[in-house]
Amino acid sequence: MGDELEGLGPLAQMVGIWVGDSGEDVAPSPEREVGETGYRERIVVTSIGRVDNHEQVLHGVRYAKTAWRMPLDEEFHEETGYWLWDASREQVMQCFVVPRGISVLAGGAATPNATKFEILAELGSPTFGIASNPFLDREFKTVRYEYEVEFEEDGVMRYRSNVFIQVNGQDDVFRHSDVNTLRRVHVPD
């Protein structure tokens, strides 16, 4: 697995299969009030290696995330995307889509050996931004995305995400948050 991780910087510790069953989701309920849901999830992360972008050299991983509501074990979230590492700028980026009609490109600073880093995206930013379909833009406009991840030596990953949503008809911005602790259950050979 050594060559596969070459150049990934702080993303190398992501490669593998991760599972967690202690997730907490706070999101708008069907009535557009605060809804809380426990969830379990599985994230599969594989290296895509080097990506040349003219003089910019990136290294990346591809991931697929699925989450199931507890205790019903009903799938409610799917996400696919990439994490990218720009070593010359010491920058991590996450670009992903959710099949509700939203895509995000977020980024932040990190060192090559970082075990914790944060990224963000904001609506209207030409670099780290958010795009939504017309319904979501009108009814549940995402105005900011924040994500913090931390890795521990014993194969544990903790994350917290905050998605700030302007819900149509509400004055205050809603903070949709997800938090979970995952264990790596498989490391590729």
Protein backbone atom coordinates (compact mmCIF):
# COMPACT_ATOMS: atom_id res chain seq x y z
CA MET A 1 0.00 0.00 0.00
CA GLY A 2 3.02 2.32 0.31
CA ASP A 3 3.12 3.40 -3.37
CA GLU A 4 -0.64 3.90 -3.38
CA LEU A 5 -0.32 6.46 -0.56
CA GLU A 6 2.66 8.28 -2.06
CA GLY A 7 2.00 12.00 -2.27
CA LEU A 8 -1.36 11.99 -0.46
CA GLY A 9 -0.10 14.00 2.51
CA PRO A 10 -2.75 14.13 5.26
CA LEU A 11 -5.22 12.23 3.03
CA ALA A 12 -3.18 9.00 3.26
CA GLN A 13 -4.78 8.21 6.62
CA MET A 14 -8.25 8.26 4.98
CA VAL A 15 -7.69 5.28 2.68
CA GLY A 16 -9.74 2.23 3.70
CA ILE A 17 -13.25 1.28 4.71
CA TRP A 18 -14.75 3.09 7.69
CA VAL A 19 -17.89 2.32 9.71
CA GLY A 20 -19.60 4.14 12.54
CA ASP A 21 -22.90 3.71 14.34
CA SER A 22 -22.96 6.67 16.71
CA GLY A 23 -23.87 9.43 14.25
CA GLU A 24 -26.06 12.33 15.29
CA ASP A 25 -27.87 14.35 12.59
CA VAL A 26 -29.67 17.63 13.34
CA ALA A 27 -31.57 18.76 10.24
CA PRO A 28 -34.84 20.41 9.24
CA SER A 29 -37.74 18.05 9.94
CA PRO A 30 -40.58 17.58 7.42
CA GLU A 31 -42.33 20.44 9.26
CA ARG A 32 -39.15 22.58 8.80
CA GLU A 33 -38.42 22.47 12.53
CA VAL A 34 -35.45 20.89 14.31
CA GLY A 35 -35.27 17.15 13.68
CA GLU A 36 -32.74 14.83 15.30
CA THR A 37 -31.76 11.45 13.89
CA GLY A 38 -29.26 8.84 15.00
CA TYR A 39 -27.47 7.14 12.12
CA ARG A 40 -24.83 4.63 11.12
CA GLU A 41 -22.64 5.03 8.08
CA ARG A 42 -20.05 3.41 5.86
CA ILE A 43 -17.36 5.30 3.94
CA VAL A 44 -15.16 3.64 1.31
CA VAL A 45 -12.02 5.61 0.42
CA THR A 46 -9.58 4.63 -2.38
CA SER A 47 -6.53 6.39 -3.77
CA ILE A 48 -6.74 7.88 -7.27
CA GLY A 49 -3.04 8.81 -7.20
CA ARG A 50 -1.58 11.83 -8.93
CA VAL A 51 -3.71 14.35 -10.84
CA ASP A 52 -1.81 16.79 -13.10
CA ASN A 53 -3.59 20.08 -13.65
CA HIS A 54 -1.05 21.91 -15.85
CA GLU A 55 1.57 23.17 -13.39
CA GLN A 56 -0.59 22.25 -10.40
CA VAL A 57 -0.01 18.72 -9.10
CA LEU A 58 -2.69 17.19 -6.90
CA HIS A 59 -3.00 13.78 -5.24
CA GLY A 60 -6.37 12.45 -4.31
CA VAL A 61 -8.76 9.89 -2.95
CA ARG A 62 -12.23 8.95 -4.14
CA TYR A 63 -14.92 8.25 -1.57
CA ALA A 64 -18.47 6.96 -1.32
CA LYS A 65 -20.52 7.53 1.83
CA THR A 66 -23.86 5.97 2.75
CA ALA A 67 -25.82 6.65 5.95
CA TRP A 68 -28.79 4.79 7.45
CA ARG A 69 -31.29 6.13 10.01
CA MET A 70 -31.32 4.26 13.28
CA PRO A 71 -33.10 2.22 14.53
CA LEU A 72 -35.04 1.58 11.31
CA ASP A 73 -31.87 1.04 9.29
CA GLU A 74 -33.36 3.08 6.43
CA GLU A 75 -30.92 4.67 3.96
CA PHE A 76 -31.27 8.47 4.03
CA HIS A 77 -28.00 9.92 2.74
CA GLU A 78 -25.59 9.13 -0.05
CA GLU A 79 -22.56 11.16 -1.09
CA THR A 80 -19.76 10.64 -3.59
CA GLY A 81 -16.71 12.74 -4.17
CA TYR A 82 -13.00 13.35 -3.92
CA TRP A 83 -10.55 14.68 -1.38
CA LEU A 84 -7.54 16.38 -2.99
CA TRP A 85 -4.13 17.37 -1.61
CA ASP A 86 -2.10 20.24 -3.06
CA ALA A 87 1.32 19.79 -1.42
CA SER A 88 2.87 22.96 -2.85
CA ARG A 89 0.08 25.08 -1.31
CA GLU A 90 -0.45 22.84 1.75
CA GLN A 91 -4.15 22.77 0.97
CA VAL A 92 -6.81 20.08 1.25
CA MET A 93 -9.98 20.16 -0.82
CA GLN A 94 -13.20 18.18 -0.82
CA CYS A 95 -15.48 18.13 -3.83
CA PHE A 96 -18.68 16.09 -3.68
CA VAL A 97 -22.25 15.72 -4.86
CA VAL A 98 -25.36 14.62 -3.02
CA PRO A 99 -28.20 13.19 -5.14
CA ARG A 100 -30.60 15.87 -3.97
CA GLY A 101 -29.13 18.29 -6.51
CA ILE A 102 -26.28 19.95 -4.64
CA SER A 103 -22.53 20.06 -5.19
CA VAL A 104 -19.79 21.50 -3.01
CA LEU A 105 -16.11 22.38 -3.42
CA ALA A 106 -14.56 23.17 -0.03
CA GLY A 107 -10.99 23.77 1.02
CA GLY A 108 -8.61 24.68 3.80
CA ALA A 109 -5.02 24.66 4.97
CA ALA A 110 -3.22 21.56 6.31
CA THR A 111 0.30 20.33 6.80
CA PRO A 112 1.52 17.08 5.18
CA ASN A 113 1.36 15.21 8.51
CA ALA A 114 -1.80 16.84 9.89
CA THR A 115 -4.10 14.58 11.89
CA LYS A 116 -6.77 17.28 12.08
CA PHE A 117 -7.93 19.82 9.52
CA GLU A 118 -10.91 21.99 8.63
CA ILE A 119 -12.40 23.04 5.31
CA LEU A 120 -15.19 25.38 4.28
CA ALA A 121 -17.24 26.57 1.32
CA GLU A 122 -19.54 29.56 0.97
CA LEU A 123 -22.39 30.36 -1.38
CA GLY A 124 -21.21 32.77 -4.06
CA SER A 125 -17.50 32.03 -3.71
CA PRO A 126 -15.83 31.56 -7.09
CA THR A 127 -13.29 29.13 -5.57
CA PHE A 128 -14.70 27.20 -2.62
CA GLY A 129 -18.42 27.34 -3.30
CA ILE A 130 -21.81 25.67 -3.30
CA ALA A 131 -24.24 25.01 -6.17
CA SER A 132 -27.83 23.83 -5.71
CA ASN A 133 -30.82 23.00 -7.88
CA PRO A 134 -33.55 25.68 -8.17
CA PHE A 135 -35.84 24.05 -5.54
CA LEU A 136 -33.10 23.82 -2.91
CA ASP A 137 -31.92 27.33 -3.72
CA ARG A 138 -35.44 28.66 -3.10
CA GLU A 139 -36.57 26.48 -0.16
CA PHE A 140 -33.36 25.33 1.62
CA LYS A 141 -30.53 27.58 0.40
CA THR A 142 -27.16 26.34 1.62
CA VAL A 143 -25.09 29.42 2.46
CA ARG A 144 -22.06 27.85 4.17
CA TYR A 145 -20.46 24.42 4.64
CA GLU A 146 -17.88 23.60 7.33
CA TYR A 147 -16.20 20.27 7.91
CA GLU A 148 -13.67 19.26 10.55
CA VAL A 149 -12.01 15.84 10.66
CA GLU A 150 -9.58 14.31 13.13
CA PHE A 151 -7.68 11.02 12.97
CA GLU A 152 -6.37 9.02 15.90
CA GLU A 153 -3.54 6.47 15.77
CA ASP A 154 -5.76 3.50 16.56
CA GLY A 155 -7.78 3.76 13.32
CA VAL A 156 -10.44 6.15 14.57
CA MET A 157 -11.80 9.08 12.56
CA ARG A 158 -14.05 11.75 14.08
CA TYR A 159 -15.81 14.41 12.08
CA ARG A 160 -18.25 17.25 12.48
CA SER A 161 -19.99 19.00 9.62
CA ASN A 162 -22.11 22.11 9.76
CA VAL A 163 -24.30 23.11 6.84
CA PHE A 164 -25.89 26.52 7.28
CA ILE A 165 -29.26 26.65 5.52
CA GLN A 166 -31.61 29.56 4.90
CA VAL A 167 -34.99 27.85 5.14
CA ASN A 168 -37.70 29.69 3.18
CA GLY A 169 -40.01 31.60 5.54
CA GLN A 170 -37.58 31.55 8.50
CA ASP A 171 -35.52 34.53 9.63
CA ASP A 172 -32.71 32.61 11.32
CA VAL A 173 -30.22 30.46 9.44
CA PHE A 174 -30.62 26.78 10.35
CA ARG A 175 -27.46 24.91 11.36
CA HIS A 176 -27.70 21.36 10.02
CA SER A 177 -25.01 19.37 11.82
CA ASP A 178 -23.67 15.84 11.56
CA VAL A 179 -21.16 14.30 13.91
CA ASN A 180 -19.83 10.73 14.02
CA THR A 181 -16.94 8.57 15.17
CA LEU A 182 -15.84 5.87 12.72
CA ARG A 183 -13.42 2.95 12.88
CA ARG A 184 -11.36 1.74 9.97
CA VAL A 185 -12.38 -1.89 9.38
CA HIS A 186 -10.27 -2.50 6.26
CA VAL A 187 -6.94 -1.21 5.04
CA PRO A 188 -6.01 -2.11 1.44
CA ASP A 189 -2.95 -4.33 0.95
